[in-house]
Amino acid sequence: MKRLLAIGGAGLAVIAIVASCTIFDGLDAGAPDAGDAGTSDVALLPGEQPGYLSLADGVAFCSNVFACPNLQLTTEFSIDVPVDSNRFSSCVDWVSGPLPQDRNGHDVTAAVLQCAAEAKSCNEAGGCFWEEIIDPGDPRCAGRDAGPLGTCGDDAGSVYFCGPAPTILHCENNYFQPGTTCIYDDGGAPWCNTVPCGATACIGDRLTYCAIDGVQVNLNCAMGGFTCGYDSKENYDDCLTNGARKKCSALSISCTGTTAEICDGVFASDYDCATYGGSCDQANFPRCKRPNEACTPYDGDVDVCMGSSITLCVNGAKTNFDCSSIGKTCVAASGGQSGHCQ
């Protein structure tokens, strides 16, 4: 899904944002168990598939989003899942609400979100993704002269871009083929690659192709909801949206008819709300509006604390969630963020 980025760090158009926390408060024995990703908490309509995370894990993930300012952009750039970092129910609805039946890559995407939901620090959460947005001055960049093209980590397992828009690529992430390491091309640009260089091909949902200067790139298209296939207009295999390479230029989330579309800065990935009779609602943060909703994530009585519990609207239905069940408390709205578990 980030094929154009394979030329090196100069292609990374990311945003530097405020400093993130490094340790979460109250995240210990109450953390969610592994293996719970994708468990549906609601009855599914025809045309839907289970959400990426159970409700409890979705709450845990969004709690980490609210604690770690970089996690929103990291998620959207890496796996094309929209993240609302201001309204808690909206965030939970995107990761725990049912998905369109034709959305590809459920299991590989869910595994990344599950990892981030269980993380005990902001750095650990960011490390669950293949592309991690970091702060200027991040200590992991200390002593690294990344230069204009970036640099490989000491163990060749990561690529560091420590300039104005700092980013770390994690070559061992499942987005890349097993055995991928940081390799410099002939021009001195590092990337997560393998050698030797071979033909362009789709192997299931994985795209493999020969980049410039003789290094091989292997990407898991499904992690962003894409499929791998032949684009007749471009005349080569690539990560495709609805059977075609759908290019875009800047990170954005918007409605196009009944489809919620996220642009990761290179390609656009779609959530077709119409598959289950829904529509795309852009009144606030774009979302799939489901038939017969009883509430929205933006209602005045949603994201309100009642002791340790919070009122949520997920899948168009109101529910109460006890933050203490995952070792957290309910924090009232402040600083532009709604009430949330923390």
Protein backbone atom coordinates (compact mmCIF):
# COMPACT_ATOMS: atom_id res chain seq x y z
CA MET A 1 0.00 0.00 0.00
CA LYS A 2 2.99 2.32 0.35
CA ARG A 3 4.70 1.27 -2.86
CA LEU A 4 5.88 4.79 -3.66
CA LEU A 5 7.70 4.97 -0.32
CA ALA A 6 10.12 2.25 -1.33
CA ILE A 7 12.47 4.86 -2.78
CA GLY A 8 13.53 5.95 0.71
CA GLY A 9 12.90 8.46 3.44
CA ALA A 10 12.29 11.40 1.13
CA GLY A 11 8.91 9.91 0.26
CA LEU A 12 7.61 9.96 3.82
CA ALA A 13 5.13 12.80 4.14
CA VAL A 14 4.31 12.62 7.83
CA ILE A 15 3.34 15.13 10.46
CA ALA A 16 5.31 16.05 13.58
CA ILE A 17 3.02 16.35 16.57
CA VAL A 18 3.30 17.01 20.28
CA ALA A 19 5.32 14.83 22.62
CA SER A 20 3.80 11.51 23.58
CA CYS A 21 3.82 9.68 26.89
CA THR A 22 6.09 6.70 27.41
CA ILE A 23 4.33 4.80 30.19
CA PHE A 24 0.59 4.31 30.68
CA ASP A 25 -1.00 4.77 34.08
CA GLY A 26 -2.92 1.86 35.52
CA LEU A 27 -2.18 -0.66 32.76
CA ASP A 28 -1.23 -3.87 34.52
CA ALA A 29 -3.16 -7.01 35.48
CA GLY A 30 -6.31 -5.65 33.87
CA ALA A 31 -4.88 -5.67 30.34
CA PRO A 32 -6.91 -7.61 27.74
CA ASP A 33 -5.93 -11.15 26.90
CA ALA A 34 -4.34 -12.07 23.58
CA GLY A 35 -6.42 -13.91 21.02
CA ASP A 36 -9.57 -11.82 21.54
CA ALA A 37 -9.20 -9.75 18.37
CA GLY A 38 -12.13 -9.72 16.01
CA THR A 39 -14.65 -11.16 18.46
CA SER A 40 -18.04 -9.68 17.58
CA ASP A 41 -20.02 -8.23 20.48
CA VAL A 42 -23.08 -7.52 18.33
CA ALA A 43 -25.34 -9.38 15.96
CA LEU A 44 -24.16 -8.89 12.38
CA LEU A 45 -26.31 -7.66 9.52
CA PRO A 46 -26.10 -9.25 6.06
CA GLY A 47 -23.10 -7.68 4.34
CA GLU A 48 -21.13 -7.21 7.59
CA GLN A 49 -18.19 -9.03 9.13
CA PRO A 50 -16.97 -8.78 12.75
CA GLY A 51 -15.02 -5.72 13.81
CA TYR A 52 -11.27 -5.86 14.28
CA LEU A 53 -11.48 -5.97 18.08
CA SER A 54 -13.92 -6.95 20.80
CA LEU A 55 -15.48 -4.06 22.70
CA ALA A 56 -13.09 -4.46 25.64
CA ASP A 57 -10.04 -4.54 23.38
CA GLY A 58 -11.36 -1.61 21.35
CA VAL A 59 -11.69 0.40 24.55
CA ALA A 60 -8.13 -0.59 25.53
CA PHE A 61 -6.76 0.42 22.13
CA CYS A 62 -8.56 3.78 22.14
CA SER A 63 -7.41 4.43 25.71
CA ASN A 64 -3.87 4.10 24.39
CA VAL A 65 -4.69 6.41 21.48
CA PHE A 66 -5.89 9.06 23.94
CA ALA A 67 -2.68 8.62 25.97
CA CYS A 68 -0.25 8.61 23.02
CA PRO A 69 -0.66 11.47 20.51
CA ASN A 70 1.45 9.75 17.85
CA LEU A 71 -0.64 6.58 17.82
CA GLN A 72 -3.45 8.09 15.72
CA LEU A 73 -1.21 8.95 12.78
CA THR A 74 0.81 5.76 13.16
CA THR A 75 -2.37 3.70 12.81
CA GLU A 76 -3.76 5.66 9.88
CA PHE A 77 -0.50 5.74 7.91
CA SER A 78 0.36 2.09 8.60
CA ILE A 79 -2.87 0.11 8.33
CA ASP A 80 -5.49 2.52 6.91
CA VAL A 81 -7.84 2.36 9.90
CA PRO A 82 -9.43 5.74 10.74
CA VAL A 83 -8.79 6.85 14.33
CA ASP A 84 -10.71 9.61 16.09
CA SER A 85 -8.46 10.86 18.90
CA ASN A 86 -11.01 13.36 20.22
CA ARG A 87 -14.26 11.36 20.58
CA PHE A 88 -13.82 8.09 22.42
CA SER A 89 -16.93 6.31 21.13
CA SER A 90 -16.02 7.22 17.55
CA CYS A 91 -12.59 5.64 18.00
CA VAL A 92 -14.08 2.49 19.58
CA ASP A 93 -16.74 2.25 16.87
CA TRP A 94 -14.12 2.23 14.09
CA VAL A 95 -12.12 -0.64 15.61
CA SER A 96 -14.90 -2.66 17.31
CA GLY A 97 -17.95 -1.96 15.15
CA PRO A 98 -18.80 -4.41 12.36
CA LEU A 99 -16.97 -3.97 9.04
CA PRO A 100 -18.22 -4.18 5.46
CA GLN A 101 -18.15 -7.79 4.28
CA ASP A 102 -15.82 -6.94 1.38
CA ARG A 103 -13.17 -5.29 3.57
CA ASN A 104 -10.01 -7.37 3.04
CA GLY A 105 -7.32 -8.28 5.56
CA HIS A 106 -9.40 -8.56 8.73
CA ASP A 107 -7.11 -10.95 10.59
CA VAL A 108 -3.74 -9.32 9.81
CA THR A 109 -5.12 -5.86 10.61
CA ALA A 110 -6.78 -7.10 13.80
CA ALA A 111 -3.51 -8.59 15.02
CA VAL A 112 -1.77 -5.21 14.77
CA LEU A 113 -4.57 -3.43 16.63
CA GLN A 114 -4.63 -6.17 19.27
CA CYS A 115 -0.91 -5.71 19.84
CA ALA A 116 -1.38 -1.96 20.29
CA ALA A 117 -4.34 -2.53 22.64
CA GLU A 118 -2.16 -4.66 24.92
CA ALA A 119 0.87 -2.34 24.84
CA LYS A 120 2.12 -0.96 28.15
CA SER A 121 3.92 2.10 26.76
CA CYS A 122 3.60 4.45 23.82
CA ASN A 123 6.80 3.12 22.27
CA GLU A 124 5.53 -0.44 22.60
CA ALA A 125 2.24 0.51 20.96
CA GLY A 126 4.02 2.23 18.08
CA GLY A 127 6.26 -0.79 17.62
CA CYS A 128 3.23 -2.91 16.70
CA PHE A 129 3.03 -1.08 13.34
CA TRP A 130 5.36 -1.22 10.36
CA GLU A 131 5.56 2.58 10.20
CA GLU A 132 5.82 4.36 13.55
CA ILE A 133 5.50 8.13 13.79
CA ILE A 134 7.81 9.47 16.51
CA ASP A 135 8.50 12.82 18.17
CA PRO A 136 11.30 15.17 17.15
CA GLY A 137 14.03 14.48 19.66
CA ASP A 138 12.87 10.90 20.33
CA PRO A 139 15.67 9.28 22.39
CA ARG A 140 15.81 6.39 19.93
CA CYS A 141 17.28 8.83 17.44
CA ALA A 142 19.97 10.01 19.87
CA GLY A 143 23.42 9.54 18.40
CA ARG A 144 22.08 8.58 14.99
CA ASP A 145 23.19 10.66 12.05
CA ALA A 146 20.27 9.64 9.87
CA GLY A 147 21.14 12.18 7.19
CA PRO A 148 18.71 13.13 4.44
CA LEU A 149 18.13 9.50 3.39
CA GLY A 150 17.81 7.84 6.80
CA THR A 151 19.85 5.09 8.42
CA CYS A 152 19.60 1.41 9.35
CA GLY A 153 19.37 0.40 13.02
CA ASP A 154 22.29 -1.35 14.64
CA ASP A 155 20.65 -4.77 14.16
CA ALA A 156 19.32 -3.91 10.66
CA GLY A 157 15.83 -4.56 11.97
CA SER A 158 14.64 -0.96 11.69
CA VAL A 159 14.98 2.08 9.43
CA TYR A 160 15.34 5.46 11.12
CA PHE A 161 14.30 8.76 9.57
CA CYS A 162 15.26 11.30 12.23
CA GLY A 163 14.76 14.53 10.29
CA PRO A 164 11.92 17.07 10.43
CA ALA A 165 9.22 14.35 10.16
CA PRO A 166 10.77 11.53 12.20
CA THR A 167 9.66 7.96 11.57
CA ILE A 168 10.84 4.44 12.33
CA LEU A 169 10.10 1.51 10.00
CA HIS A 170 10.01 -1.90 11.70
CA CYS A 171 11.28 -4.42 9.16
CA GLU A 172 10.22 -7.44 11.23
CA ASN A 173 6.55 -6.41 11.09
CA ASN A 174 4.20 -8.79 9.26
CA TYR A 175 3.64 -6.08 6.66
CA PHE A 176 7.00 -7.17 5.25
CA GLN A 177 8.02 -10.68 4.25
CA PRO A 178 9.73 -12.73 6.99
CA GLY A 179 13.48 -12.27 6.77
CA THR A 180 13.23 -8.64 5.63
CA THR A 181 15.98 -6.38 6.98
CA CYS A 182 17.17 -2.82 6.51
CA ILE A 183 19.30 -2.71 3.36
CA TYR A 184 20.94 0.28 1.68
CA ASP A 185 20.46 0.61 -2.06
CA ASP A 186 23.24 1.77 -4.38
CA GLY A 187 22.24 5.38 -3.77
CA GLY A 188 22.65 5.04 -0.01
CA ALA A 189 18.92 5.03 0.83
CA PRO A 190 17.81 2.45 3.44
CA TRP A 191 14.53 0.53 3.34
CA CYS A 192 13.06 -2.76 4.55
CA ASN A 193 14.12 -5.06 1.71
CA THR A 194 15.33 -8.49 0.75
CA VAL A 195 17.83 -9.62 -1.89
CA PRO A 196 18.34 -10.73 -4.60
CA CYS A 197 16.01 -8.75 -6.83
CA GLY A 198 13.35 -10.62 -8.78
CA ALA A 199 10.14 -10.18 -10.72
CA THR A 200 7.02 -8.28 -9.72
CA ALA A 201 4.30 -10.69 -8.58
CA CYS A 202 1.37 -11.24 -6.26
CA ILE A 203 1.69 -14.13 -3.83
CA GLY A 204 -1.75 -14.19 -2.27
CA ASP A 205 -2.18 -10.75 -0.71
CA ARG A 206 1.57 -10.11 -0.70
CA LEU A 207 3.14 -7.91 -3.35
CA THR A 208 6.78 -8.45 -4.25
CA TYR A 209 8.66 -6.27 -6.70
CA CYS A 210 12.13 -5.11 -7.63
CA ALA A 211 12.73 -1.53 -6.53
CA ILE A 212 15.46 0.77 -7.74
CA ASP A 213 19.10 -0.29 -7.37
CA GLY A 214 18.44 -4.02 -7.17
CA VAL A 215 16.63 -4.55 -3.87
CA GLN A 216 13.43 -6.55 -3.47
CA VAL A 217 10.42 -5.14 -1.64
CA ASN A 218 7.71 -7.42 -0.18
CA LEU A 219 4.51 -5.85 1.17
CA ASN A 220 1.33 -7.28 2.72
CA CYS A 221 -1.42 -5.42 0.86
CA ALA A 222 -4.14 -6.90 3.08
CA MET A 223 -2.91 -5.02 6.16
CA GLY A 224 -4.44 -1.85 4.72
CA GLY A 225 -7.56 -3.54 3.37
CA PHE A 226 -6.13 -3.80 -0.15
CA THR A 227 -5.88 -6.81 -2.43
CA CYS A 228 -2.87 -7.70 -4.56
CA GLY A 229 -3.57 -7.95 -8.27
CA TYR A 230 -2.89 -6.77 -11.79
CA ASP A 231 -3.82 -3.18 -12.62
CA SER A 232 -4.62 -3.14 -16.34
CA LYS A 233 -4.27 0.64 -16.51
CA GLU A 234 -0.82 0.71 -14.91
CA ASN A 235 0.18 -2.63 -16.51
CA TYR A 236 1.72 -4.16 -13.38
CA ASP A 237 0.79 -5.91 -10.14
CA ASP A 238 0.14 -3.68 -7.16
CA CYS A 239 -1.96 -3.19 -4.02
CA LEU A 240 -5.45 -2.46 -5.31
CA THR A 241 -8.65 -0.82 -4.09
CA ASN A 242 -11.69 -2.34 -5.78
CA GLY A 243 -9.51 -3.84 -8.48
CA ALA A 244 -7.49 -0.73 -9.34
CA ARG A 245 -4.56 1.27 -7.98
CA LYS A 246 -6.28 4.21 -6.27
CA LYS A 247 -3.73 6.95 -5.70
CA CYS A 248 -4.04 9.98 -3.41
CA SER A 249 -1.65 12.55 -2.04
CA ALA A 250 -2.30 13.48 1.60
CA LEU A 251 -3.58 11.83 4.76
CA SER A 252 -7.34 12.35 4.92
CA ILE A 253 -10.61 10.65 5.85
CA SER A 254 -13.73 11.54 3.90
CA CYS A 255 -17.02 10.31 2.47
CA THR A 256 -17.41 9.55 -1.23
CA GLY A 257 -21.04 8.68 -1.70
CA THR A 258 -21.76 5.74 0.60
CA THR A 259 -18.06 4.90 0.99
CA ALA A 260 -15.77 6.02 3.82
CA GLU A 261 -12.34 6.56 2.28
CA ILE A 262 -9.01 6.96 4.04
CA CYS A 263 -5.96 8.22 2.15
CA ASP A 264 -2.71 7.08 3.77
CA GLY A 265 -0.71 9.64 1.82
CA VAL A 266 -0.12 7.35 -1.17
CA PHE A 267 -3.15 5.09 -1.75
CA ALA A 268 -6.84 5.34 -0.84
CA SER A 269 -8.50 2.50 1.07
CA ASP A 270 -12.29 2.13 1.13
CA TYR A 271 -14.95 1.04 3.62
CA ASP A 272 -18.13 0.45 1.60
CA CYS A 273 -20.92 1.24 4.05
CA ALA A 274 -23.56 0.29 1.45
CA THR A 275 -22.70 -3.43 1.68
CA TYR A 276 -25.02 -3.65 4.71
CA GLY A 277 -27.43 -0.88 3.74
CA GLY A 278 -25.52 1.88 5.51
CA SER A 279 -24.35 5.31 4.42
CA CYS A 280 -21.28 7.47 5.02
CA ASP A 281 -21.82 10.25 7.57
CA GLN A 282 -19.40 13.17 7.46
CA ALA A 283 -21.22 15.44 9.89
CA ASN A 284 -18.37 15.01 12.38
CA PHE A 285 -15.54 12.47 12.00
CA PRO A 286 -16.42 10.42 8.88
CA ARG A 287 -17.99 7.08 9.73
CA CYS A 288 -20.24 4.35 8.39
CA LYS A 289 -23.77 5.06 9.58
CA ARG A 290 -25.70 1.83 10.07
CA PRO A 291 -29.42 1.29 9.52
CA ASN A 292 -31.76 1.96 12.47
CA GLU A 293 -29.19 3.60 14.71
CA ALA A 294 -30.39 4.51 18.20
CA CYS A 295 -27.44 6.84 18.91
CA THR A 296 -24.28 8.34 17.41
CA PRO A 297 -20.80 8.72 18.94
CA TYR A 298 -21.42 12.49 19.03
CA ASP A 299 -24.59 12.57 21.13
CA GLY A 300 -24.41 14.72 24.24
CA ASP A 301 -25.04 11.81 26.61
CA VAL A 302 -22.28 9.66 25.09
CA ASP A 303 -18.71 9.46 26.47
CA VAL A 304 -19.93 10.54 29.88
CA CYS A 305 -18.39 9.13 33.06
CA MET A 306 -20.53 7.55 35.78
CA GLY A 307 -18.04 6.52 38.43
CA SER A 308 -15.68 4.06 36.77
CA SER A 309 -18.07 3.46 33.86
CA ILE A 310 -18.48 5.35 30.60
CA THR A 311 -21.45 5.56 28.23
CA LEU A 312 -20.55 4.47 24.71
CA CYS A 313 -22.32 4.42 21.36
CA VAL A 314 -20.93 1.58 19.24
CA ASN A 315 -22.66 0.12 16.19
CA GLY A 316 -25.49 2.62 16.66
CA ALA A 317 -26.38 1.20 20.09
CA LYS A 318 -25.75 2.71 23.50
CA THR A 319 -23.91 0.69 26.13
CA ASN A 320 -22.10 1.25 29.41
CA PHE A 321 -18.52 0.03 29.80
CA ASP A 322 -16.77 -0.34 33.15
CA CYS A 323 -13.24 1.01 32.68
CA SER A 324 -12.11 -0.80 35.85
CA SER A 325 -12.69 -4.13 34.06
CA ILE A 326 -9.49 -3.45 32.10
CA GLY A 327 -7.62 -1.81 34.97
CA LYS A 328 -8.52 1.79 34.11
CA THR A 329 -10.63 4.66 35.40
CA CYS A 330 -13.07 6.95 33.60
CA VAL A 331 -11.64 10.39 32.91
CA ALA A 332 -14.00 13.31 32.23
CA ALA A 333 -13.78 15.40 29.08
CA SER A 334 -11.01 18.01 28.95
CA GLY A 335 -8.61 19.66 26.52
CA GLY A 336 -10.70 18.85 23.45
CA GLN A 337 -10.93 15.15 24.26
CA SER A 338 -14.21 13.54 25.33
CA GLY A 339 -14.58 11.42 28.41
CA HIS A 340 -12.59 8.21 28.07
CA CYS A 341 -11.04 5.26 29.90
CA GLN A 342 -7.49 5.96 31.04
